[in-house]
Amino acid sequence: MIVADPMLATGSTMCTVLENVLDAADDEPEDLFVLSAVSAPEGLIRVNEEFPEADLLTVSIDDELNDEGFIVPGLGDAGDRSFRTT
């Protein structure tokens, strides 16, 4: 099973998605991959702690999260970039 998100910041969204997807699955997946383009260390740590069976694959690990939970330096809001909203 592959679960992808452009940016893995706090890990909160990914953990919620993984929990829901795994709860809905008939069987445990043989392999579980979490994919992201950019991650923050905090998000990687959280997902790894809550889902140690998952292999985490990311293109880039940025420095940190700011006080608002955004990846720094990051790419900006993935939703805004994807759908050209502000």
PDB file of N, CA and C in Angstrom:
ATOM      1  N   MET A   1       0.852  -1.150   0.000  1.00  0.00           N
ATOM      2  CA  MET A   1       0.000   0.000   0.000  1.00  0.00           C
ATOM      3  C   MET A   1       0.909   1.226   0.000  1.00  0.00           C
ATOM      4  N   ILE A   2       0.552   2.212  -0.816  1.00  0.00           N
ATOM      5  CA  ILE A   2       1.302   3.465  -0.889  1.00  0.00           C
ATOM      6  C   ILE A   2       0.363   4.600  -0.506  1.00  0.00           C
ATOM      7  N   VAL A   3       0.776   5.413   0.468  1.00  0.00           N
ATOM      8  CA  VAL A   3       0.026   6.605   0.859  1.00  0.00           C
ATOM      9  C   VAL A   3       0.956   7.784   0.642  1.00  0.00           C
ATOM     10  N   ALA A   4       0.513   8.743  -0.174  1.00  0.00           N
ATOM     11  CA  ALA A   4       1.371   9.866  -0.541  1.00  0.00           C
ATOM     12  C   ALA A   4       0.762  11.192  -0.124  1.00  0.00           C
ATOM     13  N   ASP A   5       1.630  12.120   0.227  1.00  0.00           N
ATOM     14  CA  ASP A   5       1.252  13.490   0.551  1.00  0.00           C
ATOM     15  C   ASP A   5       2.423  14.360   0.108  1.00  0.00           C
ATOM     16  N   PRO A   6       2.176  15.476  -0.578  1.00  0.00           N
ATOM     17  CA  PRO A   6       3.295  16.294  -1.059  1.00  0.00           C
ATOM     18  C   PRO A   6       4.242  16.733   0.055  1.00  0.00           C
ATOM     19  N   MET A   7       3.650  17.127   1.197  1.00  0.00           N
ATOM     20  CA  MET A   7       4.475  17.608   2.301  1.00  0.00           C
ATOM     21  C   MET A   7       4.055  16.935   3.600  1.00  0.00           C
ATOM     22  N   LEU A   8       5.033  16.463   4.334  1.00  0.00           N
ATOM     23  CA  LEU A   8       4.813  15.828   5.629  1.00  0.00           C
ATOM     24  C   LEU A   8       5.400  16.765   6.680  1.00  0.00           C
ATOM     25  N   ALA A   9       4.538  17.538   7.322  1.00  0.00           N
ATOM     26  CA  ALA A   9       5.011  18.545   8.279  1.00  0.00           C
ATOM     27  C   ALA A   9       4.977  17.988   9.702  1.00  0.00           C
ATOM     28  N   THR A  10       3.838  18.082  10.363  1.00  0.00           N
ATOM     29  CA  THR A  10       3.725  17.591  11.745  1.00  0.00           C
ATOM     30  C   THR A  10       3.484  16.089  11.793  1.00  0.00           C
ATOM     31  N   GLY A  11       2.975  15.532  10.695  1.00  0.00           N
ATOM     32  CA  GLY A  11       2.624  14.113  10.663  1.00  0.00           C
ATOM     33  C   GLY A  11       1.192  13.846  11.072  1.00  0.00           C
ATOM     34  N   SER A  12       0.488  14.858  11.527  1.00  0.00           N
ATOM     35  CA  SER A  12      -0.876  14.687  12.023  1.00  0.00           C
ATOM     36  C   SER A  12      -1.811  14.162  10.941  1.00  0.00           C
ATOM     37  N   THR A  13      -1.801  14.792   9.779  1.00  0.00           N
ATOM     38  CA  THR A  13      -2.680  14.364   8.691  1.00  0.00           C
ATOM     39  C   THR A  13      -2.319  12.960   8.240  1.00  0.00           C
ATOM     40  N   MET A  14      -1.042  12.686   8.062  1.00  0.00           N
ATOM     41  CA  MET A  14      -0.625  11.366   7.596  1.00  0.00           C
ATOM     42  C   MET A  14      -1.030  10.285   8.593  1.00  0.00           C
ATOM     43  N   CYS A  15      -0.856  10.523   9.872  1.00  0.00           N
ATOM     44  CA  CYS A  15      -1.234   9.523  10.880  1.00  0.00           C
ATOM     45  C   CYS A  15      -2.738   9.270  10.857  1.00  0.00           C
ATOM     46  N   THR A  16      -3.531  10.312  10.693  1.00  0.00           N
ATOM     47  CA  THR A  16      -4.981  10.153  10.613  1.00  0.00           C
ATOM     48  C   THR A  16      -5.367   9.353   9.374  1.00  0.00           C
ATOM     49  N   VAL A  17      -4.751   9.678   8.239  1.00  0.00           N
ATOM     50  CA  VAL A  17      -5.042   8.951   6.999  1.00  0.00           C
ATOM     51  C   VAL A  17      -4.644   7.484   7.141  1.00  0.00           C
ATOM     52  N   LEU A  18      -3.453   7.218   7.640  1.00  0.00           N
ATOM     53  CA  LEU A  18      -2.999   5.831   7.810  1.00  0.00           C
ATOM     54  C   LEU A  18      -3.934   5.058   8.731  1.00  0.00           C
ATOM     55  N   GLU A  19      -4.339   5.668   9.814  1.00  0.00           N
ATOM     56  CA  GLU A  19      -5.249   5.011  10.750  1.00  0.00           C
ATOM     57  C   GLU A  19      -6.557   4.644  10.061  1.00  0.00           C
ATOM     58  N   ASN A  20      -7.124   5.581   9.310  1.00  0.00           N
ATOM     59  CA  ASN A  20      -8.394   5.326   8.626  1.00  0.00           C
ATOM     60  C   ASN A  20      -8.252   4.294   7.515  1.00  0.00           C
ATOM     61  N   VAL A  21      -7.203   4.389   6.736  1.00  0.00           N
ATOM     62  CA  VAL A  21      -6.991   3.444   5.630  1.00  0.00           C
ATOM     63  C   VAL A  21      -6.766   2.028   6.166  1.00  0.00           C
ATOM     64  N   LEU A  22      -5.945   1.909   7.186  1.00  0.00           N
ATOM     65  CA  LEU A  22      -5.666   0.578   7.742  1.00  0.00           C
ATOM     66  C   LEU A  22      -6.892  -0.009   8.440  1.00  0.00           C
ATOM     67  N   ASP A  23      -7.675   0.840   9.093  1.00  0.00           N
ATOM     68  CA  ASP A  23      -8.913   0.356   9.722  1.00  0.00           C
ATOM     69  C   ASP A  23      -9.908  -0.162   8.683  1.00  0.00           C
ATOM     70  N   ALA A  24      -9.935   0.462   7.510  1.00  0.00           N
ATOM     71  CA  ALA A  24     -10.881   0.081   6.464  1.00  0.00           C
ATOM     72  C   ALA A  24     -10.392  -1.109   5.632  1.00  0.00           C
ATOM     73  N   ALA A  25      -9.119  -1.431   5.711  1.00  0.00           N
ATOM     74  CA  ALA A  25      -8.563  -2.522   4.909  1.00  0.00           C
ATOM     75  C   ALA A  25      -9.025  -3.869   5.446  1.00  0.00           C
ATOM     76  N   ASP A  26      -9.282  -4.790   4.531  1.00  0.00           N
ATOM     77  CA  ASP A  26      -9.680  -6.135   4.932  1.00  0.00           C
ATOM     78  C   ASP A  26      -8.531  -6.884   5.598  1.00  0.00           C
ATOM     79  N   ASP A  27      -7.327  -6.696   5.076  1.00  0.00           N
ATOM     80  CA  ASP A  27      -6.132  -7.345   5.607  1.00  0.00           C
ATOM     81  C   ASP A  27      -5.032  -6.315   5.798  1.00  0.00           C
ATOM     82  N   GLU A  28      -4.084  -6.635   6.672  1.00  0.00           N
ATOM     83  CA  GLU A  28      -2.908  -5.788   6.813  1.00  0.00           C
ATOM     84  C   GLU A  28      -2.126  -5.819   5.502  1.00  0.00           C
ATOM     85  N   PRO A  29      -1.670  -4.664   5.013  1.00  0.00           N
ATOM     86  CA  PRO A  29      -0.884  -4.682   3.786  1.00  0.00           C
ATOM     87  C   PRO A  29       0.455  -5.385   4.007  1.00  0.00           C
ATOM     88  N   GLU A  30       0.914  -6.072   2.982  1.00  0.00           N
ATOM     89  CA  GLU A  30       2.207  -6.736   3.062  1.00  0.00           C
ATOM     90  C   GLU A  30       3.323  -5.708   3.210  1.00  0.00           C
ATOM     91  N   ASP A  31       3.205  -4.620   2.463  1.00  0.00           N
ATOM     92  CA  ASP A  31       4.154  -3.504   2.536  1.00  0.00           C
ATOM     93  C   ASP A  31       3.368  -2.215   2.645  1.00  0.00           C
ATOM     94  N   LEU A  32       3.861  -1.285   3.450  1.00  0.00           N
ATOM     95  CA  LEU A  32       3.225   0.015   3.629  1.00  0.00           C
ATOM     96  C   LEU A  32       4.276   1.091   3.407  1.00  0.00           C
ATOM     97  N   PHE A  33       4.028   1.950   2.412  1.00  0.00           N
ATOM     98  CA  PHE A  33       4.962   3.021   2.083  1.00  0.00           C
ATOM     99  C   PHE A  33       4.283   4.369   2.260  1.00  0.00           C
ATOM    100  N   VAL A  34       4.985   5.282   2.905  1.00  0.00           N
ATOM    101  CA  VAL A  34       4.556   6.668   3.032  1.00  0.00           C
ATOM    102  C   VAL A  34       5.500   7.494   2.170  1.00  0.00           C
ATOM    103  N   LEU A  35       4.935   8.194   1.176  1.00  0.00           N
ATOM    104  CA  LEU A  35       5.739   8.986   0.251  1.00  0.00           C
ATOM    105  C   LEU A  35       5.464  10.469   0.441  1.00  0.00           C
ATOM    106  N   SER A  36       6.519  11.275   0.381  1.00  0.00           N
ATOM    107  CA  SER A  36       6.354  12.725   0.420  1.00  0.00           C
ATOM    108  C   SER A  36       7.485  13.372  -0.363  1.00  0.00           C
ATOM    109  N   ALA A  37       7.216  14.573  -0.872  1.00  0.00           N
ATOM    110  CA  ALA A  37       8.246  15.323  -1.590  1.00  0.00           C
ATOM    111  C   ALA A  37       9.148  16.047  -0.598  1.00  0.00           C
ATOM    112  N   VAL A  38       8.542  16.692   0.383  1.00  0.00           N
ATOM    113  CA  VAL A  38       9.290  17.447   1.388  1.00  0.00           C
ATOM    114  C   VAL A  38       8.754  17.074   2.762  1.00  0.00           C
ATOM    115  N   SER A  39       9.668  16.831   3.694  1.00  0.00           N
ATOM    116  CA  SER A  39       9.267  16.466   5.057  1.00  0.00           C
ATOM    117  C   SER A  39      10.029  17.294   6.077  1.00  0.00           C
ATOM    118  N   ALA A  40       9.433  17.409   7.247  1.00  0.00           N
ATOM    119  CA  ALA A  40      10.109  17.990   8.404  1.00  0.00           C
ATOM    120  C   ALA A  40      10.490  16.843   9.330  1.00  0.00           C
ATOM    121  N   PRO A  41      11.588  16.976  10.045  1.00  0.00           N
ATOM    122  CA  PRO A  41      11.999  15.904  10.960  1.00  0.00           C
ATOM    123  C   PRO A  41      10.899  15.508  11.938  1.00  0.00           C
ATOM    124  N   GLU A  42      10.148  16.491  12.449  1.00  0.00           N
ATOM    125  CA  GLU A  42       9.095  16.215  13.425  1.00  0.00           C
ATOM    126  C   GLU A  42       8.034  15.268  12.865  1.00  0.00           C
ATOM    127  N   GLY A  43       7.633  15.482  11.602  1.00  0.00           N
ATOM    128  CA  GLY A  43       6.629  14.630  10.983  1.00  0.00           C
ATOM    129  C   GLY A  43       7.134  13.216  10.750  1.00  0.00           C
ATOM    130  N   LEU A  44       8.372  13.101  10.306  1.00  0.00           N
ATOM    131  CA  LEU A  44       8.961  11.785  10.082  1.00  0.00           C
ATOM    132  C   LEU A  44       9.042  10.992  11.379  1.00  0.00           C
ATOM    133  N   ILE A  45       9.440  11.668  12.441  1.00  0.00           N
ATOM    134  CA  ILE A  45       9.544  11.009  13.750  1.00  0.00           C
ATOM    135  C   ILE A  45       8.170  10.547  14.222  1.00  0.00           C
ATOM    136  N   ARG A  46       7.172  11.417  14.102  1.00  0.00           N
ATOM    137  CA  ARG A  46       5.830  11.060  14.578  1.00  0.00           C
ATOM    138  C   ARG A  46       5.262   9.868  13.818  1.00  0.00           C
ATOM    139  N   VAL A  47       5.341   9.904  12.480  1.00  0.00           N
ATOM    140  CA  VAL A  47       4.796   8.793  11.691  1.00  0.00           C
ATOM    141  C   VAL A  47       5.559   7.509  12.004  1.00  0.00           C
ATOM    142  N   ASN A  48       6.860   7.605  12.136  1.00  0.00           N
ATOM    143  CA  ASN A  48       7.661   6.421  12.448  1.00  0.00           C
ATOM    144  C   ASN A  48       7.296   5.837  13.808  1.00  0.00           C
ATOM    145  N   GLU A  49       7.030   6.692  14.776  1.00  0.00           N
ATOM    146  CA  GLU A  49       6.661   6.209  16.111  1.00  0.00           C
ATOM    147  C   GLU A  49       5.273   5.572  16.119  1.00  0.00           C
ATOM    148  N   GLU A  50       4.319   6.169  15.394  1.00  0.00           N
ATOM    149  CA  GLU A  50       2.946   5.663  15.412  1.00  0.00           C
ATOM    150  C   GLU A  50       2.727   4.501  14.441  1.00  0.00           C
ATOM    151  N   PHE A  51       3.544   4.428  13.378  1.00  0.00           N
ATOM    152  CA  PHE A  51       3.406   3.372  12.375  1.00  0.00           C
ATOM    153  C   PHE A  51       4.786   2.829  12.021  1.00  0.00           C
ATOM    154  N   PRO A  52       5.416   2.115  12.940  1.00  0.00           N
ATOM    155  CA  PRO A  52       6.773   1.616  12.689  1.00  0.00           C
ATOM    156  C   PRO A  52       6.844   0.610  11.538  1.00  0.00           C
ATOM    157  N   GLU A  53       5.708   0.041  11.157  1.00  0.00           N
ATOM    158  CA  GLU A  53       5.693  -0.903  10.040  1.00  0.00           C
ATOM    159  C   GLU A  53       5.791  -0.209   8.682  1.00  0.00           C
ATOM    160  N   ALA A  54       5.645   1.115   8.656  1.00  0.00           N
ATOM    161  CA  ALA A  54       5.678   1.869   7.396  1.00  0.00           C
ATOM    162  C   ALA A  54       7.107   2.237   7.014  1.00  0.00           C
ATOM    163  N   ASP A  55       7.390   2.130   5.719  1.00  0.00           N
ATOM    164  CA  ASP A  55       8.643   2.639   5.168  1.00  0.00           C
ATOM    165  C   ASP A  55       8.385   4.066   4.713  1.00  0.00           C
ATOM    166  N   LEU A  56       9.167   5.018   5.233  1.00  0.00           N
ATOM    167  CA  LEU A  56       8.991   6.421   4.888  1.00  0.00           C
ATOM    168  C   LEU A  56      10.008   6.815   3.821  1.00  0.00           C
ATOM    169  N   LEU A  57       9.500   7.342   2.723  1.00  0.00           N
ATOM    170  CA  LEU A  57      10.347   7.769   1.619  1.00  0.00           C
ATOM    171  C   LEU A  57      10.044   9.232   1.310  1.00  0.00           C
ATOM    172  N   THR A  58      11.080  10.064   1.324  1.00  0.00           N
ATOM    173  CA  THR A  58      10.903  11.482   1.040  1.00  0.00           C
ATOM    174  C   THR A  58      12.040  11.964   0.159  1.00  0.00           C
ATOM    175  N   VAL A  59      11.771  12.989  -0.630  1.00  0.00           N
ATOM    176  CA  VAL A  59      12.785  13.546  -1.524  1.00  0.00           C
ATOM    177  C   VAL A  59      13.718  14.468  -0.750  1.00  0.00           C
ATOM    178  N   SER A  60      13.145  15.243   0.172  1.00  0.00           N
ATOM    179  CA  SER A  60      13.938  16.239   0.884  1.00  0.00           C
ATOM    180  C   SER A  60      13.457  16.375   2.326  1.00  0.00           C
ATOM    181  N   ILE A  61      14.399  16.512   3.241  1.00  0.00           N
ATOM    182  CA  ILE A  61      14.067  16.792   4.642  1.00  0.00           C
ATOM    183  C   ILE A  61      14.519  18.216   4.926  1.00  0.00           C
ATOM    184  N   ASP A  62      13.548  19.092   5.167  1.00  0.00           N
ATOM    185  CA  ASP A  62      13.863  20.479   5.492  1.00  0.00           C
ATOM    186  C   ASP A  62      14.219  20.596   6.967  1.00  0.00           C
ATOM    187  N   ASP A  63      14.598  21.800   7.374  1.00  0.00           N
ATOM    188  CA  ASP A  63      15.189  22.015   8.688  1.00  0.00           C
ATOM    189  C   ASP A  63      14.251  21.823   9.871  1.00  0.00           C
ATOM    190  N   GLU A  64      13.041  22.386   9.784  1.00  0.00           N
ATOM    191  CA  GLU A  64      12.202  22.424  10.975  1.00  0.00           C
ATOM    192  C   GLU A  64      10.790  22.876  10.634  1.00  0.00           C
ATOM    193  N   LEU A  65       9.950  22.937  11.659  1.00  0.00           N
ATOM    194  CA  LEU A  65       8.619  23.537  11.552  1.00  0.00           C
ATOM    195  C   LEU A  65       8.639  24.880  12.248  1.00  0.00           C
ATOM    196  N   ASN A  66       7.867  25.834  11.718  1.00  0.00           N
ATOM    197  CA  ASN A  66       7.749  27.109  12.420  1.00  0.00           C
ATOM    198  C   ASN A  66       6.650  27.000  13.477  1.00  0.00           C
ATOM    199  N   ASP A  67       6.340  28.107  14.141  1.00  0.00           N
ATOM    200  CA  ASP A  67       5.344  28.091  15.217  1.00  0.00           C
ATOM    201  C   ASP A  67       3.940  27.743  14.728  1.00  0.00           C
ATOM    202  N   GLU A  68       3.694  27.888  13.416  1.00  0.00           N
ATOM    203  CA  GLU A  68       2.381  27.581  12.854  1.00  0.00           C
ATOM    204  C   GLU A  68       2.312  26.162  12.290  1.00  0.00           C
ATOM    205  N   GLY A  69       3.404  25.392  12.411  1.00  0.00           N
ATOM    206  CA  GLY A  69       3.434  24.023  11.929  1.00  0.00           C
ATOM    207  C   GLY A  69       3.751  23.891  10.457  1.00  0.00           C
ATOM    208  N   PHE A  70       4.313  24.953   9.848  1.00  0.00           N
ATOM    209  CA  PHE A  70       4.697  24.911   8.444  1.00  0.00           C
ATOM    210  C   PHE A  70       6.165  24.537   8.320  1.00  0.00           C
ATOM    211  N   ILE A  71       6.488  23.779   7.266  1.00  0.00           N
ATOM    212  CA  ILE A  71       7.869  23.376   7.018  1.00  0.00           C
ATOM    213  C   ILE A  71       8.695  24.594   6.615  1.00  0.00           C
ATOM    214  N   VAL A  72       9.889  24.707   7.221  1.00  0.00           N
ATOM    215  CA  VAL A  72      10.803  25.809   6.919  1.00  0.00           C
ATOM    216  C   VAL A  72      12.096  25.216   6.385  1.00  0.00           C
ATOM    217  N   PRO A  73      12.581  25.598   5.198  1.00  0.00           N
ATOM    218  CA  PRO A  73      12.029  26.641   4.348  1.00  0.00           C
ATOM    219  C   PRO A  73      10.777  26.221   3.592  1.00  0.00           C
ATOM    220  N   GLY A  74      10.587  24.953   3.264  1.00  0.00           N
ATOM    221  CA  GLY A  74       9.344  24.484   2.655  1.00  0.00           C
ATOM    222  C   GLY A  74       9.117  24.971   1.236  1.00  0.00           C
ATOM    223  N   LEU A  75       7.909  24.704   0.752  1.00  0.00           N
ATOM    224  CA  LEU A  75       7.522  25.061  -0.615  1.00  0.00           C
ATOM    225  C   LEU A  75       6.321  25.981  -0.660  1.00  0.00           C
ATOM    226  N   GLY A  76       5.793  26.358   0.469  1.00  0.00           N
ATOM    227  CA  GLY A  76       4.517  27.052   0.492  1.00  0.00           C
ATOM    228  C   GLY A  76       3.413  26.024   0.673  1.00  0.00           C
ATOM    229  N   ASP A  77       2.186  26.453   0.543  1.00  0.00           N
ATOM    230  CA  ASP A  77       1.040  25.570   0.737  1.00  0.00           C
ATOM    231  C   ASP A  77       0.838  24.690  -0.497  1.00  0.00           C
ATOM    232  N   ALA A  78       0.904  23.370  -0.318  1.00  0.00           N
ATOM    233  CA  ALA A  78       0.776  22.435  -1.447  1.00  0.00           C
ATOM    234  C   ALA A  78      -0.596  22.553  -2.105  1.00  0.00           C
ATOM    235  N   GLY A  79      -1.638  22.728  -1.309  1.00  0.00           N
ATOM    236  CA  GLY A  79      -2.980  22.888  -1.869  1.00  0.00           C
ATOM    237  C   GLY A  79      -3.082  24.138  -2.711  1.00  0.00           C
ATOM    238  N   ASP A  80      -2.543  25.258  -2.214  1.00  0.00           N
ATOM    239  CA  ASP A  80      -2.559  26.503  -2.990  1.00  0.00           C
ATOM    240  C   ASP A  80      -1.776  26.331  -4.280  1.00  0.00           C
ATOM    241  N   ARG A  81      -0.639  25.678  -4.214  1.00  0.00           N
ATOM    242  CA  ARG A  81       0.169  25.466  -5.421  1.00  0.00           C
ATOM    243  C   ARG A  81      -0.531  24.541  -6.411  1.00  0.00           C
ATOM    244  N   SER A  82      -1.164  23.506  -5.903  1.00  0.00           N
ATOM    245  CA  SER A  82      -1.835  22.543  -6.775  1.00  0.00           C
ATOM    246  C   SER A  82      -3.066  23.124  -7.466  1.00  0.00           C
ATOM    247  N   PHE A  83      -3.839  23.916  -6.716  1.00  0.00           N
ATOM    248  CA  PHE A  83      -5.113  24.405  -7.223  1.00  0.00           C
ATOM    249  C   PHE A  83      -5.129  25.891  -7.519  1.00  0.00           C
ATOM    250  N   ARG A  84      -3.929  26.526  -7.446  1.00  0.00           N
ATOM    251  CA  ARG A  84      -3.752  27.942  -7.767  1.00  0.00           C
ATOM    252  C   ARG A  84      -4.686  28.830  -6.957  1.00  0.00           C
ATOM    253  N   THR A  85      -4.778  28.550  -5.664  1.00  0.00           N
ATOM    254  CA  THR A  85      -5.550  29.369  -4.747  1.00  0.00           C
ATOM    255  C   THR A  85      -4.580  30.073  -3.809  1.00  0.00           C
ATOM    256  N   THR A  86      -5.074  30.981  -3.023  1.00  0.00           N
ATOM    257  CA  THR A  86      -4.201  31.667  -2.068  1.00  0.00           C
ATOM    258  C   THR A  86      -4.768  31.560  -0.677  1.00  0.00           C
TER     259      THR A  86
END
